[in-house]
Protein backbone atom coordinates (compact mmCIF):
# COMPACT_ATOMS: atom_id res chain seq x y z
CA UNK A 1 0.00 0.00 0.00
CA UNK A 2 2.85 2.37 0.84
CA UNK A 3 4.49 1.80 -2.55
CA UNK A 4 1.14 2.37 -4.27
CA UNK A 5 0.42 5.62 -2.41
CA UNK A 6 3.89 7.03 -3.08
CA UNK A 7 3.52 6.04 -6.73
CA UNK A 8 0.19 7.89 -6.91
CA UNK A 9 1.89 11.01 -5.53
CA UNK A 10 4.22 10.93 -8.54
CA UNK A 11 1.54 10.08 -11.05
CA UNK A 12 -1.20 12.52 -10.15
CA UNK A 13 -0.75 16.14 -9.12
CA UNK A 14 -4.23 16.22 -7.60
CA UNK A 15 -3.35 13.24 -5.38
CA UNK A 16 -0.08 14.83 -4.23
CA UNK A 17 -1.85 18.13 -3.48
CA UNK A 18 -4.63 16.32 -1.63
CA UNK A 19 -2.22 14.30 0.48
CA UNK A 20 -0.22 17.44 1.24
CA UNK A 21 -3.36 19.35 2.29
CA UNK A 22 -4.67 16.45 4.41
CA UNK A 23 -1.30 16.31 6.19
CA UNK A 24 -1.63 20.03 6.96
CA UNK A 25 0.57 21.48 4.22
CA UNK A 26 0.08 25.07 3.16
CA UNK A 27 3.01 25.70 0.83
CA UNK A 28 2.92 25.18 -2.92
CA UNK A 29 4.07 21.92 -4.47
CA UNK A 30 4.82 23.67 -7.75
CA UNK A 31 8.53 24.33 -8.19
CA UNK A 32 9.25 27.88 -9.28
CA UNK A 33 12.64 29.47 -9.48
CA UNK A 34 13.15 33.05 -8.29
CA UNK A 35 14.30 35.44 -10.99
CA UNK A 36 17.60 37.32 -10.79
CA UNK A 37 17.69 41.09 -11.07
CA UNK A 38 19.01 41.54 -14.61
CA UNK A 39 19.60 45.26 -14.06
CA UNK A 40 22.28 44.48 -11.46
CA UNK A 41 25.87 44.43 -12.55
CA UNK A 42 28.14 41.71 -11.22
CA UNK A 43 31.03 43.20 -9.28
CA UNK A 44 32.86 39.90 -8.82
CA UNK A 45 36.14 38.97 -10.43
CA UNK A 46 35.55 35.34 -9.45
CA UNK A 47 32.67 33.38 -10.96
CA UNK A 48 29.55 33.54 -8.77
CA UNK A 49 29.26 29.76 -8.65
CA UNK A 50 32.80 29.51 -7.27
CA UNK A 51 32.01 32.12 -4.62
CA UNK A 52 28.82 30.28 -3.67
CA UNK A 53 30.60 26.96 -3.47
CA UNK A 54 33.18 28.37 -1.07
CA UNK A 55 30.42 30.02 1.00
CA UNK A 56 28.37 26.80 1.17
CA UNK A 57 31.39 24.65 1.96
CA UNK A 58 32.22 26.99 4.87
CA UNK A 59 28.58 27.00 6.08
CA UNK A 60 28.15 23.21 5.70
CA UNK A 61 31.62 21.68 6.21
CA UNK A 62 30.32 18.15 6.84
CA UNK A 63 27.79 18.02 3.99
CA UNK A 64 28.74 15.13 1.68
CA UNK A 65 26.99 16.66 -1.34
CA UNK A 66 26.82 20.28 -2.47
CA UNK A 67 25.33 20.85 -5.93
CA UNK A 68 25.38 24.20 -7.67
CA UNK A 69 23.02 24.51 -10.62
CA UNK A 70 24.20 26.96 -13.24
CA UNK A 71 21.47 29.41 -14.33
CA UNK A 72 19.82 28.55 -17.65
CA UNK A 73 19.21 32.14 -18.64
CA UNK A 74 20.29 35.66 -17.77
CA UNK A 75 17.26 36.07 -15.49
CA UNK A 76 17.44 32.71 -13.70
CA UNK A 77 18.79 32.36 -10.19
CA UNK A 78 21.51 30.02 -9.02
CA UNK A 79 20.17 27.01 -7.12
CA UNK A 80 22.35 25.39 -4.49
CA UNK A 81 21.35 21.99 -3.11
CA UNK A 82 23.08 20.86 0.08
CA UNK A 83 22.38 17.23 0.92
CA UNK A 84 23.23 16.24 4.48
CA UNK A 85 22.84 12.51 3.77
CA UNK A 86 24.27 10.93 0.64
CA UNK A 87 21.88 7.94 0.96
CA UNK A 88 18.58 9.89 0.72
CA UNK A 89 17.21 13.02 -0.95
CA UNK A 90 14.58 14.40 1.42
CA UNK A 91 17.06 16.08 3.76
CA UNK A 92 18.41 18.38 1.06
CA UNK A 93 18.45 22.13 1.71
CA UNK A 94 17.63 24.11 -1.43
CA UNK A 95 18.85 27.70 -1.53
CA UNK A 96 18.48 30.24 -4.33
CA UNK A 97 20.76 33.17 -5.10
CA UNK A 98 20.72 36.10 -7.51
CA UNK A 99 23.36 35.33 -10.13
CA UNK A 100 24.64 38.92 -10.12
CA UNK A 101 24.51 40.13 -6.51
CA UNK A 102 24.49 36.71 -4.79
CA UNK A 103 21.56 37.89 -2.66
CA UNK A 104 19.63 34.93 -1.27
CA UNK A 105 15.97 34.53 -2.20
CA UNK A 106 13.32 32.75 -0.18
CA UNK A 107 10.72 30.60 -1.91
CA UNK A 108 7.10 29.76 -1.19
CA UNK A 109 7.21 26.12 -2.32
CA UNK A 110 8.33 23.04 -0.42
CA UNK A 111 11.77 22.92 -2.04
CA UNK A 112 13.50 25.50 0.13
CA UNK A 113 15.39 25.19 3.37
CA UNK A 114 14.53 22.02 5.23
CA UNK A 115 14.49 23.85 8.56
CA UNK A 116 11.52 25.87 7.27
CA UNK A 117 9.62 22.80 6.01
CA UNK A 118 6.55 21.62 7.88
CA UNK A 119 5.74 17.98 8.62
CA UNK A 120 3.53 17.87 5.51
CA UNK A 121 6.31 19.39 3.38
CA UNK A 122 8.78 16.80 4.65
CA UNK A 123 6.28 14.02 3.93
CA UNK A 124 6.11 15.04 0.26
CA UNK A 125 9.88 15.54 0.14
CA UNK A 126 10.33 11.99 1.52
CA UNK A 127 8.10 10.50 -1.18
CA UNK A 128 10.93 9.27 -3.44
CA UNK A 129 12.94 7.82 -0.56
CA UNK A 130 9.87 6.05 0.84
CA UNK A 131 8.88 4.70 -2.59
CA UNK A 132 12.34 3.25 -3.27
CA UNK A 133 12.89 2.08 0.32
CA UNK A 134 15.91 4.36 0.66
CA UNK A 135 14.47 5.89 3.82
CA UNK A 136 15.46 2.63 5.59
CA UNK A 137 18.86 2.31 3.91
CA UNK A 138 20.02 -0.63 1.85
CA UNK A 139 17.77 -3.08 3.72
CA UNK A 140 14.76 -0.89 2.87
CA UNK A 141 15.70 -0.94 -0.81
CA UNK A 142 15.80 -4.73 -0.74
CA UNK A 143 12.42 -4.86 1.02
CA UNK A 144 10.89 -2.49 -1.57
CA UNK A 145 12.37 -4.54 -4.42
CA UNK A 146 11.06 -7.87 -3.15
CA UNK A 147 7.67 -6.40 -2.25
CA UNK A 148 7.40 -5.05 -5.81
CA UNK A 149 8.48 -8.40 -7.23
CA UNK A 150 5.81 -10.23 -5.22
CA UNK A 151 3.10 -7.74 -6.14
CA UNK A 152 4.06 -7.94 -9.81
CA UNK A 153 3.81 -11.75 -9.72
CA UNK A 154 0.29 -11.80 -8.20
CA UNK A 155 -1.64 -11.38 -11.49
CA UNK A 156 0.42 -14.14 -13.12
CA UNK A 157 -0.03 -16.61 -10.27
CA UNK A 158 -3.71 -15.63 -9.95
CA UNK A 159 -4.27 -16.36 -13.64
CA UNK A 160 -2.49 -19.70 -13.31
CA UNK A 161 -4.62 -20.72 -10.30
CA UNK A 162 -7.82 -19.63 -12.08
CA UNK A 163 -6.93 -21.59 -15.23
CA UNK A 164 -6.10 -24.75 -13.29
CA UNK A 165 -9.40 -24.60 -11.38
CA UNK A 166 -11.31 -24.13 -14.62
CA UNK A 167 -9.46 -27.07 -16.17
CA UNK A 168 -10.25 -29.30 -13.13
CA UNK A 169 -13.92 -28.28 -13.25
CA UNK A 170 -14.11 -29.26 -16.93
CA UNK A 171 -12.47 -32.63 -16.28
CA UNK A 172 -14.82 -33.22 -13.32
CA UNK A 173 -17.84 -32.41 -15.50
CA UNK A 174 -16.64 -34.79 -18.25
CA UNK A 175 -15.99 -37.62 -15.79
CA UNK A 176 -19.37 -37.17 -14.07
CA UNK A 177 -21.26 -37.04 -17.40
CA UNK A 178 -19.47 -40.18 -18.63
CA UNK A 179 -20.50 -42.11 -15.53
């Protein structure tokens, strides 16, 4: 059931929104990126992504993963994702910076700082890790794999059992009519 519910969250936006609302979520599930101020002039001699990397490495010295996403356009912001656990994704802090002034932007969706996320926000952020079993580590991934394998085999074994019963019923009818 857990694998099915987490799969429905991925498949249907209305289901994800409904689950988020029922859990008490108020923030948006729609990812939007803040826009950089294109009228600002960069005063840096070093690339902004290099400056941000140094800043994030100093702020999060033990973080195993720090990703810096290069802006796709002149108005896009720089996204920095700091993952505190290299086995899961839900604990990632997402921060957004103006690509010219390096001013930090706050966002109104669930993909912001984890410290500002509610229980409902964290539930939706955990969806992938729950679905794959990663939330429980390697053992959880094995459990999710075997549970999926068993569930996938149920229609095949059900068909086989149904066909064998039908075949036995036919042979029983033939033997009783011959007698």
